[in-house]
């Protein structure tokens, strides 16, 4: 779950056996891993 992103993200191929893996949308709300994109918790009472 540490690497879990509900949305966005990327991979890149640099050569055989050489990659980039980008988990760009991870997050927690009140200590729980987000089941929806973290940007949806942007209310003043949520931030």
ModelCIF file with pLDDT and N, C-alpha, C, O atoms, coordinates in Angstrom:
data_MODEL
#
_entry.id   MODEL 
#
_entity.id                         1 
_entity.type                       polymer 
_entity.pdbx_number_of_molecules   1 
#
_entity_poly.entity_id                      1 
_entity_poly.type                           'polypeptide(L)' 
_entity_poly.nstd_linkage                   no 
_entity_poly.nstd_monomer                   no 
_entity_poly.pdbx_seq_one_letter_code       
;(UNK)(UNK)(UNK)(UNK)(UNK)(UNK)(UNK)(UNK)(UNK)(UNK)(UNK)(UNK)(UNK)(UNK)(UNK)(UNK)
(UNK)(UNK)(UNK)(UNK)(UNK)(UNK)(UNK)(UNK)(UNK)(UNK)(UNK)(UNK)(UNK)(UNK)(UNK)(UNK)
(UNK)(UNK)(UNK)(UNK)(UNK)(UNK)(UNK)(UNK)(UNK)(UNK)(UNK)(UNK)(UNK)(UNK)(UNK)
;
_entity_poly.pdbx_seq_one_letter_code_can   XXXXXXXXXXXXXXXXXXXXXXXXXXXXXXXXXXXXXXXXXXXXXXX 
_entity_poly.pdbx_strand_id                 A 
#
loop_
_entity_poly_seq.entity_id 
_entity_poly_seq.num 
_entity_poly_seq.mon_id 
_entity_poly_seq.hetero 
1 1  UNK n 
1 2  UNK n 
1 3  UNK n 
1 4  UNK n 
1 5  UNK n 
1 6  UNK n 
1 7  UNK n 
1 8  UNK n 
1 9  UNK n 
1 10 UNK n 
1 11 UNK n 
1 12 UNK n 
1 13 UNK n 
1 14 UNK n 
1 15 UNK n 
1 16 UNK n 
1 17 UNK n 
1 18 UNK n 
1 19 UNK n 
1 20 UNK n 
1 21 UNK n 
1 22 UNK n 
1 23 UNK n 
1 24 UNK n 
1 25 UNK n 
1 26 UNK n 
1 27 UNK n 
1 28 UNK n 
1 29 UNK n 
1 30 UNK n 
1 31 UNK n 
1 32 UNK n 
1 33 UNK n 
1 34 UNK n 
1 35 UNK n 
1 36 UNK n 
1 37 UNK n 
1 38 UNK n 
1 39 UNK n 
1 40 UNK n 
1 41 UNK n 
1 42 UNK n 
1 43 UNK n 
1 44 UNK n 
1 45 UNK n 
1 46 UNK n 
1 47 UNK n 
#
_struct_asym.id          A 
_struct_asym.entity_id   1 
#
loop_
_ma_qa_metric.id 
_ma_qa_metric.mode 
_ma_qa_metric.name 
_ma_qa_metric.software_group_id 
_ma_qa_metric.type 
1 global pLDDT . pLDDT 
2 local  pLDDT . pLDDT 
#
_ma_qa_metric_global.metric_id      1 
_ma_qa_metric_global.metric_value   96.70 
_ma_qa_metric_global.model_id       1 
_ma_qa_metric_global.ordinal_id     1 
#
loop_
_ma_qa_metric_local.label_asym_id 
_ma_qa_metric_local.label_comp_id 
_ma_qa_metric_local.label_seq_id 
_ma_qa_metric_local.metric_id 
_ma_qa_metric_local.metric_value 
_ma_qa_metric_local.model_id 
_ma_qa_metric_local.ordinal_id 
A UNK 1  2 98.00 1 1  
A UNK 2  2 97.00 1 2  
A UNK 3  2 98.00 1 3  
A UNK 4  2 98.00 1 4  
A UNK 5  2 98.00 1 5  
A UNK 6  2 98.00 1 6  
A UNK 7  2 98.00 1 7  
A UNK 8  2 98.00 1 8  
A UNK 9  2 98.00 1 9  
A UNK 10 2 98.00 1 10 
A UNK 11 2 98.00 1 11 
A UNK 12 2 98.00 1 12 
A UNK 13 2 98.00 1 13 
A UNK 14 2 98.00 1 14 
A UNK 15 2 97.00 1 15 
A UNK 16 2 97.00 1 16 
A UNK 17 2 97.00 1 17 
A UNK 18 2 98.00 1 18 
A UNK 19 2 98.00 1 19 
A UNK 20 2 98.00 1 20 
A UNK 21 2 98.00 1 21 
A UNK 22 2 98.00 1 22 
A UNK 23 2 98.00 1 23 
A UNK 24 2 98.00 1 24 
A UNK 25 2 98.00 1 25 
A UNK 26 2 98.00 1 26 
A UNK 27 2 98.00 1 27 
A UNK 28 2 98.00 1 28 
A UNK 29 2 97.00 1 29 
A UNK 30 2 97.00 1 30 
A UNK 31 2 97.00 1 31 
A UNK 32 2 97.00 1 32 
A UNK 33 2 98.00 1 33 
A UNK 34 2 97.00 1 34 
A UNK 35 2 96.00 1 35 
A UNK 36 2 96.00 1 36 
A UNK 37 2 97.00 1 37 
A UNK 38 2 97.00 1 38 
A UNK 39 2 95.00 1 39 
A UNK 40 2 94.00 1 40 
A UNK 41 2 95.00 1 41 
A UNK 42 2 88.00 1 42 
A UNK 43 2 88.00 1 43 
A UNK 44 2 91.00 1 44 
A UNK 45 2 95.00 1 45 
A UNK 46 2 95.00 1 46 
A UNK 47 2 95.00 1 47 
#
loop_
_atom_site.group_PDB 
_atom_site.id 
_atom_site.type_symbol 
_atom_site.label_atom_id 
_atom_site.label_alt_id 
_atom_site.label_comp_id 
_atom_site.label_asym_id 
_atom_site.label_entity_id 
_atom_site.label_seq_id 
_atom_site.pdbx_PDB_ins_code 
_atom_site.Cartn_x 
_atom_site.Cartn_y 
_atom_site.Cartn_z 
_atom_site.occupancy 
_atom_site.B_iso_or_equiv 
_atom_site.pdbx_formal_charge 
_atom_site.auth_seq_id 
_atom_site.auth_comp_id 
_atom_site.auth_asym_id 
_atom_site.auth_atom_id 
_atom_site.pdbx_PDB_model_num 
ATOM 1   N N  . UNK A 1 1  ? 0.806   -1.219 0.000   1.00 98.00 ? 1  UNK A N  1 
ATOM 2   C CA . UNK A 1 1  ? 0.000   0.000  0.000   1.00 98.00 ? 1  UNK A CA 1 
ATOM 3   C C  . UNK A 1 1  ? 0.843   1.275  0.000   1.00 98.00 ? 1  UNK A C  1 
ATOM 4   O O  . UNK A 1 1  ? 0.371   2.318  -0.452  1.00 98.00 ? 1  UNK A O  1 
ATOM 5   N N  . UNK A 1 2  ? 2.083   1.213  0.497   1.00 97.00 ? 2  UNK A N  1 
ATOM 6   C CA . UNK A 1 2  ? 2.960   2.383  0.512   1.00 97.00 ? 2  UNK A CA 1 
ATOM 7   C C  . UNK A 1 2  ? 3.161   2.951  -0.893  1.00 97.00 ? 2  UNK A C  1 
ATOM 8   O O  . UNK A 1 2  ? 3.316   4.160  -1.066  1.00 97.00 ? 2  UNK A O  1 
ATOM 9   N N  . UNK A 1 3  ? 3.157   2.063  -1.899  1.00 98.00 ? 3  UNK A N  1 
ATOM 10  C CA . UNK A 1 3  ? 3.449   2.438  -3.279  1.00 98.00 ? 3  UNK A CA 1 
ATOM 11  C C  . UNK A 1 3  ? 2.168   2.596  -4.108  1.00 98.00 ? 3  UNK A C  1 
ATOM 12  O O  . UNK A 1 3  ? 2.230   2.735  -5.329  1.00 98.00 ? 3  UNK A O  1 
ATOM 13  N N  . UNK A 1 4  ? 1.020   2.574  -3.448  1.00 98.00 ? 4  UNK A N  1 
ATOM 14  C CA . UNK A 1 4  ? -0.273  2.548  -4.143  1.00 98.00 ? 4  UNK A CA 1 
ATOM 15  C C  . UNK A 1 4  ? -0.732  3.941  -4.552  1.00 98.00 ? 4  UNK A C  1 
ATOM 16  O O  . UNK A 1 4  ? -0.812  4.848  -3.723  1.00 98.00 ? 4  UNK A O  1 
ATOM 17  N N  . UNK A 1 5  ? -1.036  4.102  -5.851  1.00 98.00 ? 5  UNK A N  1 
ATOM 18  C CA . UNK A 1 5  ? -1.560  5.355  -6.404  1.00 98.00 ? 5  UNK A CA 1 
ATOM 19  C C  . UNK A 1 5  ? -2.847  5.069  -7.169  1.00 98.00 ? 5  UNK A C  1 
ATOM 20  O O  . UNK A 1 5  ? -2.851  4.268  -8.104  1.00 98.00 ? 5  UNK A O  1 
ATOM 21  N N  . UNK A 1 6  ? -3.922  5.711  -6.781  1.00 98.00 ? 6  UNK A N  1 
ATOM 22  C CA . UNK A 1 6  ? -5.187  5.481  -7.491  1.00 98.00 ? 6  UNK A CA 1 
ATOM 23  C C  . UNK A 1 6  ? -5.195  6.112  -8.874  1.00 98.00 ? 6  UNK A C  1 
ATOM 24  O O  . UNK A 1 6  ? -6.001  5.723  -9.720  1.00 98.00 ? 6  UNK A O  1 
ATOM 25  N N  . UNK A 1 7  ? -4.311  7.083  -9.122  1.00 98.00 ? 7  UNK A N  1 
ATOM 26  C CA . UNK A 1 7  ? -4.373  7.840  -10.376 1.00 98.00 ? 7  UNK A CA 1 
ATOM 27  C C  . UNK A 1 7  ? -2.969  8.290  -10.781 1.00 98.00 ? 7  UNK A C  1 
ATOM 28  O O  . UNK A 1 7  ? -2.000  8.049  -10.060 1.00 98.00 ? 7  UNK A O  1 
ATOM 29  N N  . UNK A 1 8  ? -2.868  8.941  -11.932 1.00 98.00 ? 8  UNK A N  1 
ATOM 30  C CA . UNK A 1 8  ? -1.624  9.456  -12.541 1.00 98.00 ? 8  UNK A CA 1 
ATOM 31  C C  . UNK A 1 8  ? -0.520  8.382  -12.606 1.00 98.00 ? 8  UNK A C  1 
ATOM 32  O O  . UNK A 1 8  ? -0.846  7.195  -12.618 1.00 98.00 ? 8  UNK A O  1 
ATOM 33  N N  . UNK A 1 9  ? 0.756   8.748  -12.647 1.00 98.00 ? 9  UNK A N  1 
ATOM 34  C CA . UNK A 1 9  ? 1.937   7.841  -12.647 1.00 98.00 ? 9  UNK A CA 1 
ATOM 35  C C  . UNK A 1 9  ? 2.521   7.574  -14.033 1.00 98.00 ? 9  UNK A C  1 
ATOM 36  O O  . UNK A 1 9  ? 1.918   7.900  -15.055 1.00 98.00 ? 9  UNK A O  1 
ATOM 37  N N  . UNK A 1 10 ? 3.721   6.969  -14.040 1.00 98.00 ? 10 UNK A N  1 
ATOM 38  C CA . UNK A 1 10 ? 4.467   6.813  -15.289 1.00 98.00 ? 10 UNK A CA 1 
ATOM 39  C C  . UNK A 1 10 ? 5.486   5.682  -15.197 1.00 98.00 ? 10 UNK A C  1 
ATOM 40  O O  . UNK A 1 10 ? 5.933   5.318  -14.109 1.00 98.00 ? 10 UNK A O  1 
ATOM 41  N N  . UNK A 1 11 ? 5.844   5.131  -16.358 1.00 98.00 ? 11 UNK A N  1 
ATOM 42  C CA . UNK A 1 11 ? 7.001   4.244  -16.479 1.00 98.00 ? 11 UNK A CA 1 
ATOM 43  C C  . UNK A 1 11 ? 7.851   4.734  -17.649 1.00 98.00 ? 11 UNK A C  1 
ATOM 44  O O  . UNK A 1 11 ? 7.337   5.335  -18.591 1.00 98.00 ? 11 UNK A O  1 
ATOM 45  N N  . UNK A 1 12 ? 9.150   4.473  -17.580 1.00 98.00 ? 12 UNK A N  1 
ATOM 46  C CA . UNK A 1 12 ? 10.069  4.804  -18.666 1.00 98.00 ? 12 UNK A CA 1 
ATOM 47  C C  . UNK A 1 12 ? 10.990  3.619  -18.914 1.00 98.00 ? 12 UNK A C  1 
ATOM 48  O O  . UNK A 1 12 ? 11.413  2.933  -17.983 1.00 98.00 ? 12 UNK A O  1 
ATOM 49  N N  . UNK A 1 13 ? 11.293  3.393  -20.195 1.00 98.00 ? 13 UNK A N  1 
ATOM 50  C CA . UNK A 1 13 ? 12.228  2.344  -20.602 1.00 98.00 ? 13 UNK A CA 1 
ATOM 51  C C  . UNK A 1 13 ? 13.508  3.036  -21.062 1.00 98.00 ? 13 UNK A C  1 
ATOM 52  O O  . UNK A 1 13 ? 13.497  3.770  -22.050 1.00 98.00 ? 13 UNK A O  1 
ATOM 53  N N  . UNK A 1 14 ? 14.614  2.804  -20.347 1.00 98.00 ? 14 UNK A N  1 
ATOM 54  C CA . UNK A 1 14 ? 15.890  3.409  -20.702 1.00 98.00 ? 14 UNK A CA 1 
ATOM 55  C C  . UNK A 1 14 ? 16.781  2.459  -21.501 1.00 98.00 ? 14 UNK A C  1 
ATOM 56  O O  . UNK A 1 14 ? 17.688  2.902  -22.206 1.00 98.00 ? 14 UNK A O  1 
ATOM 57  N N  . UNK A 1 15 ? 16.531  1.176  -21.393 1.00 97.00 ? 15 UNK A N  1 
ATOM 58  C CA . UNK A 1 15 ? 17.330  0.148  -22.041 1.00 97.00 ? 15 UNK A CA 1 
ATOM 59  C C  . UNK A 1 15 ? 16.963  -1.182 -21.422 1.00 97.00 ? 15 UNK A C  1 
ATOM 60  O O  . UNK A 1 15 ? 16.219  -1.221 -20.442 1.00 97.00 ? 15 UNK A O  1 
ATOM 61  N N  . UNK A 1 16 ? 17.471  -2.278 -21.975 1.00 97.00 ? 16 UNK A N  1 
ATOM 62  C CA . UNK A 1 16 ? 17.094  -3.593 -21.465 1.00 97.00 ? 16 UNK A CA 1 
ATOM 63  C C  . UNK A 1 16 ? 17.487  -3.736 -19.995 1.00 97.00 ? 16 UNK A C  1 
ATOM 64  O O  . UNK A 1 16 ? 18.655  -3.591 -19.634 1.00 97.00 ? 16 UNK A O  1 
ATOM 65  N N  . UNK A 1 17 ? 16.495  -4.023 -19.160 1.00 97.00 ? 17 UNK A N  1 
ATOM 66  C CA . UNK A 1 17 ? 16.713  -4.166 -17.730 1.00 97.00 ? 17 UNK A CA 1 
ATOM 67  C C  . UNK A 1 17 ? 16.849  -2.855 -16.983 1.00 97.00 ? 17 UNK A C  1 
ATOM 68  O O  . UNK A 1 17 ? 17.168  -2.854 -15.794 1.00 97.00 ? 17 UNK A O  1 
ATOM 69  N N  . UNK A 1 18 ? 16.614  -1.733 -17.660 1.00 98.00 ? 18 UNK A N  1 
ATOM 70  C CA . UNK A 1 18 ? 16.810  -0.412 -17.060 1.00 98.00 ? 18 UNK A CA 1 
ATOM 71  C C  . UNK A 1 18 ? 15.521  0.404  -17.213 1.00 98.00 ? 18 UNK A C  1 
ATOM 72  O O  . UNK A 1 18 ? 15.156  0.804  -18.319 1.00 98.00 ? 18 UNK A O  1 
ATOM 73  N N  . UNK A 1 19 ? 14.835  0.644  -16.082 1.00 98.00 ? 19 UNK A N  1 
ATOM 74  C CA . UNK A 1 19 ? 13.525  1.267  -16.124 1.00 98.00 ? 19 UNK A CA 1 
ATOM 75  C C  . UNK A 1 19 ? 13.389  2.356  -15.058 1.00 98.00 ? 19 UNK A C  1 
ATOM 76  O O  . UNK A 1 19 ? 14.172  2.437  -14.113 1.00 98.00 ? 19 UNK A O  1 
ATOM 77  N N  . UNK A 1 20 ? 12.362  3.190  -15.250 1.00 98.00 ? 20 UNK A N  1 
ATOM 78  C CA . UNK A 1 20 ? 11.906  4.070  -14.192 1.00 98.00 ? 20 UNK A CA 1 
ATOM 79  C C  . UNK A 1 20 ? 10.447  3.739  -13.903 1.00 98.00 ? 20 UNK A C  1 
ATOM 80  O O  . UNK A 1 20 ? 9.651   3.567  -14.826 1.00 98.00 ? 20 UNK A O  1 
ATOM 81  N N  . UNK A 1 21 ? 10.096  3.649  -12.619 1.00 98.00 ? 21 UNK A N  1 
ATOM 82  C CA . UNK A 1 21 ? 8.715   3.430  -12.204 1.00 98.00 ? 21 UNK A CA 1 
ATOM 83  C C  . UNK A 1 21 ? 8.352   4.564  -11.258 1.00 98.00 ? 21 UNK A C  1 
ATOM 84  O O  . UNK A 1 21 ? 8.960   4.720  -10.200 1.00 98.00 ? 21 UNK A O  1 
ATOM 85  N N  . UNK A 1 22 ? 7.360   5.353  -11.645 1.00 98.00 ? 22 UNK A N  1 
ATOM 86  C CA . UNK A 1 22 ? 6.986   6.563  -10.911 1.00 98.00 ? 22 UNK A CA 1 
ATOM 87  C C  . UNK A 1 22 ? 5.568   6.429  -10.371 1.00 98.00 ? 22 UNK A C  1 
ATOM 88  O O  . UNK A 1 22 ? 4.600   6.499  -11.129 1.00 98.00 ? 22 UNK A O  1 
ATOM 89  N N  . UNK A 1 23 ? 5.447   6.236  -9.062  1.00 98.00 ? 23 UNK A N  1 
ATOM 90  C CA . UNK A 1 23 ? 4.143   6.204  -8.403  1.00 98.00 ? 23 UNK A CA 1 
ATOM 91  C C  . UNK A 1 23 ? 3.861   7.598  -7.864  1.00 98.00 ? 23 UNK A C  1 
ATOM 92  O O  . UNK A 1 23 ? 4.264   7.943  -6.754  1.00 98.00 ? 23 UNK A O  1 
ATOM 93  N N  . UNK A 1 24 ? 3.166   8.387  -8.664  1.00 98.00 ? 24 UNK A N  1 
ATOM 94  C CA . UNK A 1 24 ? 3.074   9.824  -8.392  1.00 98.00 ? 24 UNK A CA 1 
ATOM 95  C C  . UNK A 1 24 ? 1.876   10.277 -7.599  1.00 98.00 ? 24 UNK A C  1 
ATOM 96  O O  . UNK A 1 24 ? 1.739   11.470 -7.327  1.00 98.00 ? 24 UNK A O  1 
ATOM 97  N N  . UNK A 1 25 ? 0.981   9.345  -7.210  1.00 98.00 ? 25 UNK A N  1 
ATOM 98  C CA . UNK A 1 25 ? -0.251  9.786  -6.569  1.00 98.00 ? 25 UNK A CA 1 
ATOM 99  C C  . UNK A 1 25 ? -0.552  9.100  -5.260  1.00 98.00 ? 25 UNK A C  1 
ATOM 100 O O  . UNK A 1 25 ? -1.716  8.837  -4.961  1.00 98.00 ? 25 UNK A O  1 
ATOM 101 N N  . UNK A 1 26 ? 0.468   8.801  -4.466  1.00 98.00 ? 26 UNK A N  1 
ATOM 102 C CA . UNK A 1 26 ? 0.237   8.125  -3.199  1.00 98.00 ? 26 UNK A CA 1 
ATOM 103 C C  . UNK A 1 26 ? -0.213  9.135  -2.142  1.00 98.00 ? 26 UNK A C  1 
ATOM 104 O O  . UNK A 1 26 ? 0.044   10.333 -2.263  1.00 98.00 ? 26 UNK A O  1 
ATOM 105 N N  . UNK A 1 27 ? -0.886  8.634  -1.108  1.00 98.00 ? 27 UNK A N  1 
ATOM 106 C CA . UNK A 1 27 ? -1.312  9.535  -0.051  1.00 98.00 ? 27 UNK A CA 1 
ATOM 107 C C  . UNK A 1 27 ? -2.115  8.839  1.024   1.00 98.00 ? 27 UNK A C  1 
ATOM 108 O O  . UNK A 1 27 ? -2.643  7.744  0.825   1.00 98.00 ? 27 UNK A O  1 
ATOM 109 N N  . UNK A 1 28 ? -2.197  9.497  2.170   1.00 98.00 ? 28 UNK A N  1 
ATOM 110 C CA . UNK A 1 28 ? -3.024  8.989  3.270   1.00 98.00 ? 28 UNK A CA 1 
ATOM 111 C C  . UNK A 1 28 ? -3.925  10.111 3.779   1.00 98.00 ? 28 UNK A C  1 
ATOM 112 O O  . UNK A 1 28 ? -3.566  11.287 3.721   1.00 98.00 ? 28 UNK A O  1 
ATOM 113 N N  . UNK A 1 29 ? -5.101  9.727  4.277   1.00 97.00 ? 29 UNK A N  1 
ATOM 114 C CA . UNK A 1 29 ? -6.029  10.673 4.893   1.00 97.00 ? 29 UNK A CA 1 
ATOM 115 C C  . UNK A 1 29 ? -6.398  10.124 6.265   1.00 97.00 ? 29 UNK A C  1 
ATOM 116 O O  . UNK A 1 29 ? -6.933  9.022  6.387   1.00 97.00 ? 29 UNK A O  1 
ATOM 117 N N  . UNK A 1 30 ? -6.105  10.904 7.283   1.00 97.00 ? 30 UNK A N  1 
ATOM 118 C CA . UNK A 1 30 ? -6.284  10.476 8.665   1.00 97.00 ? 30 UNK A CA 1 
ATOM 119 C C  . UNK A 1 30 ? -5.574  9.147  8.926   1.00 97.00 ? 30 UNK A C  1 
ATOM 120 O O  . UNK A 1 30 ? -6.067  8.287  9.656   1.00 97.00 ? 30 UNK A O  1 
ATOM 121 N N  . UNK A 1 31 ? -4.393  9.009  8.300   1.00 97.00 ? 31 UNK A N  1 
ATOM 122 C CA . UNK A 1 31 ? -3.563  7.834  8.520   1.00 97.00 ? 31 UNK A CA 1 
ATOM 123 C C  . UNK A 1 31 ? -3.910  6.624  7.683   1.00 97.00 ? 31 UNK A C  1 
ATOM 124 O O  . UNK A 1 31 ? -3.188  5.627  7.710   1.00 97.00 ? 31 UNK A O  1 
ATOM 125 N N  . UNK A 1 32 ? -5.023  6.692  6.924   1.00 97.00 ? 32 UNK A N  1 
ATOM 126 C CA . UNK A 1 32 ? -5.442  5.574  6.081   1.00 97.00 ? 32 UNK A CA 1 
ATOM 127 C C  . UNK A 1 32 ? -5.054  5.824  4.627   1.00 97.00 ? 32 UNK A C  1 
ATOM 128 O O  . UNK A 1 32 ? -5.175  6.944  4.131   1.00 97.00 ? 32 UNK A O  1 
ATOM 129 N N  . UNK A 1 33 ? -4.583  4.771  3.939   1.00 98.00 ? 33 UNK A N  1 
ATOM 130 C CA . UNK A 1 33 ? -4.209  4.902  2.532   1.00 98.00 ? 33 UNK A CA 1 
ATOM 131 C C  . UNK A 1 33 ? -5.431  5.325  1.723   1.00 98.00 ? 33 UNK A C  1 
ATOM 132 O O  . UNK A 1 33 ? -6.516  4.766  1.890   1.00 98.00 ? 33 UNK A O  1 
ATOM 133 N N  . UNK A 1 34 ? -5.253  6.312  0.848   1.00 97.00 ? 34 UNK A N  1 
ATOM 134 C CA . UNK A 1 34 ? -6.373  6.890  0.097   1.00 97.00 ? 34 UNK A CA 1 
ATOM 135 C C  . UNK A 1 34 ? -6.945  5.905  -0.918  1.00 97.00 ? 34 UNK A C  1 
ATOM 136 O O  . UNK A 1 34 ? -6.213  5.321  -1.717  1.00 97.00 ? 34 UNK A O  1 
ATOM 137 N N  . UNK A 1 35 ? -8.282  5.728  -0.872  1.00 96.00 ? 35 UNK A N  1 
ATOM 138 C CA . UNK A 1 35 ? -8.987  4.893  -1.839  1.00 96.00 ? 35 UNK A CA 1 
ATOM 139 C C  . UNK A 1 35 ? -9.436  5.692  -3.051  1.00 96.00 ? 35 UNK A C  1 
ATOM 140 O O  . UNK A 1 35 ? -9.957  5.128  -4.013  1.00 96.00 ? 35 UNK A O  1 
ATOM 141 N N  . UNK A 1 36 ? -9.234  7.010  -3.007  1.00 96.00 ? 36 UNK A N  1 
ATOM 142 C CA . UNK A 1 36 ? -9.528  7.885  -4.137  1.00 96.00 ? 36 UNK A CA 1 
ATOM 143 C C  . UNK A 1 36 ? -8.373  8.867  -4.264  1.00 96.00 ? 36 UNK A C  1 
ATOM 144 O O  . UNK A 1 36 ? -7.585  8.992  -3.327  1.00 96.00 ? 36 UNK A O  1 
ATOM 145 N N  . UNK A 1 37 ? -8.241  9.566  -5.383  1.00 97.00 ? 37 UNK A N  1 
ATOM 146 C CA . UNK A 1 37 ? -7.116  10.490 -5.542  1.00 97.00 ? 37 UNK A CA 1 
ATOM 147 C C  . UNK A 1 37 ? -6.996  11.453 -4.369  1.00 97.00 ? 37 UNK A C  1 
ATOM 148 O O  . UNK A 1 37 ? -7.982  12.082 -3.986  1.00 97.00 ? 37 UNK A O  1 
ATOM 149 N N  . UNK A 1 38 ? -5.809  11.576 -3.795  1.00 97.00 ? 38 UNK A N  1 
ATOM 150 C CA . UNK A 1 38 ? -5.614  12.455 -2.644  1.00 97.00 ? 38 UNK A CA 1 
ATOM 151 C C  . UNK A 1 38 ? -6.062  13.894 -2.882  1.00 97.00 ? 38 UNK A C  1 
ATOM 152 O O  . UNK A 1 38 ? -6.456  14.580 -1.939  1.00 97.00 ? 38 UNK A O  1 
ATOM 153 N N  . UNK A 1 39 ? -6.005  14.363 -4.143  1.00 95.00 ? 39 UNK A N  1 
ATOM 154 C CA . UNK A 1 39 ? -6.414  15.748 -4.427  1.00 95.00 ? 39 UNK A CA 1 
ATOM 155 C C  . UNK A 1 39 ? -7.896  15.971 -4.161  1.00 95.00 ? 39 UNK A C  1 
ATOM 156 O O  . UNK A 1 39 ? -8.347  17.116 -4.128  1.00 95.00 ? 39 UNK A O  1 
ATOM 157 N N  . UNK A 1 40 ? -8.652  14.916 -3.974  1.00 94.00 ? 40 UNK A N  1 
ATOM 158 C CA . UNK A 1 40 ? -10.077 15.071 -3.682  1.00 94.00 ? 40 UNK A CA 1 
ATOM 159 C C  . UNK A 1 40 ? -10.339 15.336 -2.195  1.00 94.00 ? 40 UNK A C  1 
ATOM 160 O O  . UNK A 1 40 ? -11.487 15.487 -1.779  1.00 94.00 ? 40 UNK A O  1 
ATOM 161 N N  . UNK A 1 41 ? -9.267  15.391 -1.404  1.00 95.00 ? 41 UNK A N  1 
ATOM 162 C CA . UNK A 1 41 ? -9.390  15.739 0.015   1.00 95.00 ? 41 UNK A CA 1 
ATOM 163 C C  . UNK A 1 41 ? -8.808  17.133 0.255   1.00 95.00 ? 41 UNK A C  1 
ATOM 164 O O  . UNK A 1 41 ? -7.915  17.302 1.085   1.00 95.00 ? 41 UNK A O  1 
ATOM 165 N N  . UNK A 1 42 ? -9.309  18.115 -0.462  1.00 88.00 ? 42 UNK A N  1 
ATOM 166 C CA . UNK A 1 42 ? -8.680  19.430 -0.413  1.00 88.00 ? 42 UNK A CA 1 
ATOM 167 C C  . UNK A 1 42 ? -9.519  20.478 0.319   1.00 88.00 ? 42 UNK A C  1 
ATOM 168 O O  . UNK A 1 42 ? -9.197  21.665 0.277   1.00 88.00 ? 42 UNK A O  1 
ATOM 169 N N  . UNK A 1 43 ? -10.595 20.048 0.991   1.00 88.00 ? 43 UNK A N  1 
ATOM 170 C CA . UNK A 1 43 ? -11.388 20.997 1.752   1.00 88.00 ? 43 UNK A CA 1 
ATOM 171 C C  . UNK A 1 43 ? -10.616 21.530 2.949   1.00 88.00 ? 43 UNK A C  1 
ATOM 172 O O  . UNK A 1 43 ? -9.697  20.875 3.441   1.00 88.00 ? 43 UNK A O  1 
ATOM 173 N N  . UNK A 1 44 ? -10.987 22.717 3.419   1.00 91.00 ? 44 UNK A N  1 
ATOM 174 C CA . UNK A 1 44 ? -10.275 23.327 4.543   1.00 91.00 ? 44 UNK A CA 1 
ATOM 175 C C  . UNK A 1 44 ? -10.302 22.434 5.779   1.00 91.00 ? 44 UNK A C  1 
ATOM 176 O O  . UNK A 1 44 ? -9.360  22.424 6.572   1.00 91.00 ? 44 UNK A O  1 
ATOM 177 N N  . UNK A 1 45 ? -11.403 21.680 5.934   1.00 95.00 ? 45 UNK A N  1 
ATOM 178 C CA . UNK A 1 45 ? -11.513 20.811 7.097   1.00 95.00 ? 45 UNK A CA 1 
ATOM 179 C C  . UNK A 1 45 ? -10.821 19.466 6.889   1.00 95.00 ? 45 UNK A C  1 
ATOM 180 O O  . UNK A 1 45 ? -10.729 18.661 7.815   1.00 95.00 ? 45 UNK A O  1 
ATOM 181 N N  . UNK A 1 46 ? -10.325 19.220 5.649   1.00 95.00 ? 46 UNK A N  1 
ATOM 182 C CA . UNK A 1 46 ? -9.675  17.950 5.330   1.00 95.00 ? 46 UNK A CA 1 
ATOM 183 C C  . UNK A 1 46 ? -8.158  18.055 5.234   1.00 95.00 ? 46 UNK A C  1 
ATOM 184 O O  . UNK A 1 46 ? -7.439  17.121 5.589   1.00 95.00 ? 46 UNK A O  1 
ATOM 185 N N  . UNK A 1 47 ? -7.677  19.193 4.753   1.00 95.00 ? 47 UNK A N  1 
ATOM 186 C CA . UNK A 1 47 ? -6.240  19.362 4.491   1.00 95.00 ? 47 UNK A CA 1 
ATOM 187 C C  . UNK A 1 47 ? -5.336  19.017 5.677   1.00 95.00 ? 47 UNK A C  1 
ATOM 188 O O  . UNK A 1 47 ? -4.114  19.121 5.572   1.00 95.00 ? 47 UNK A O  1 
#
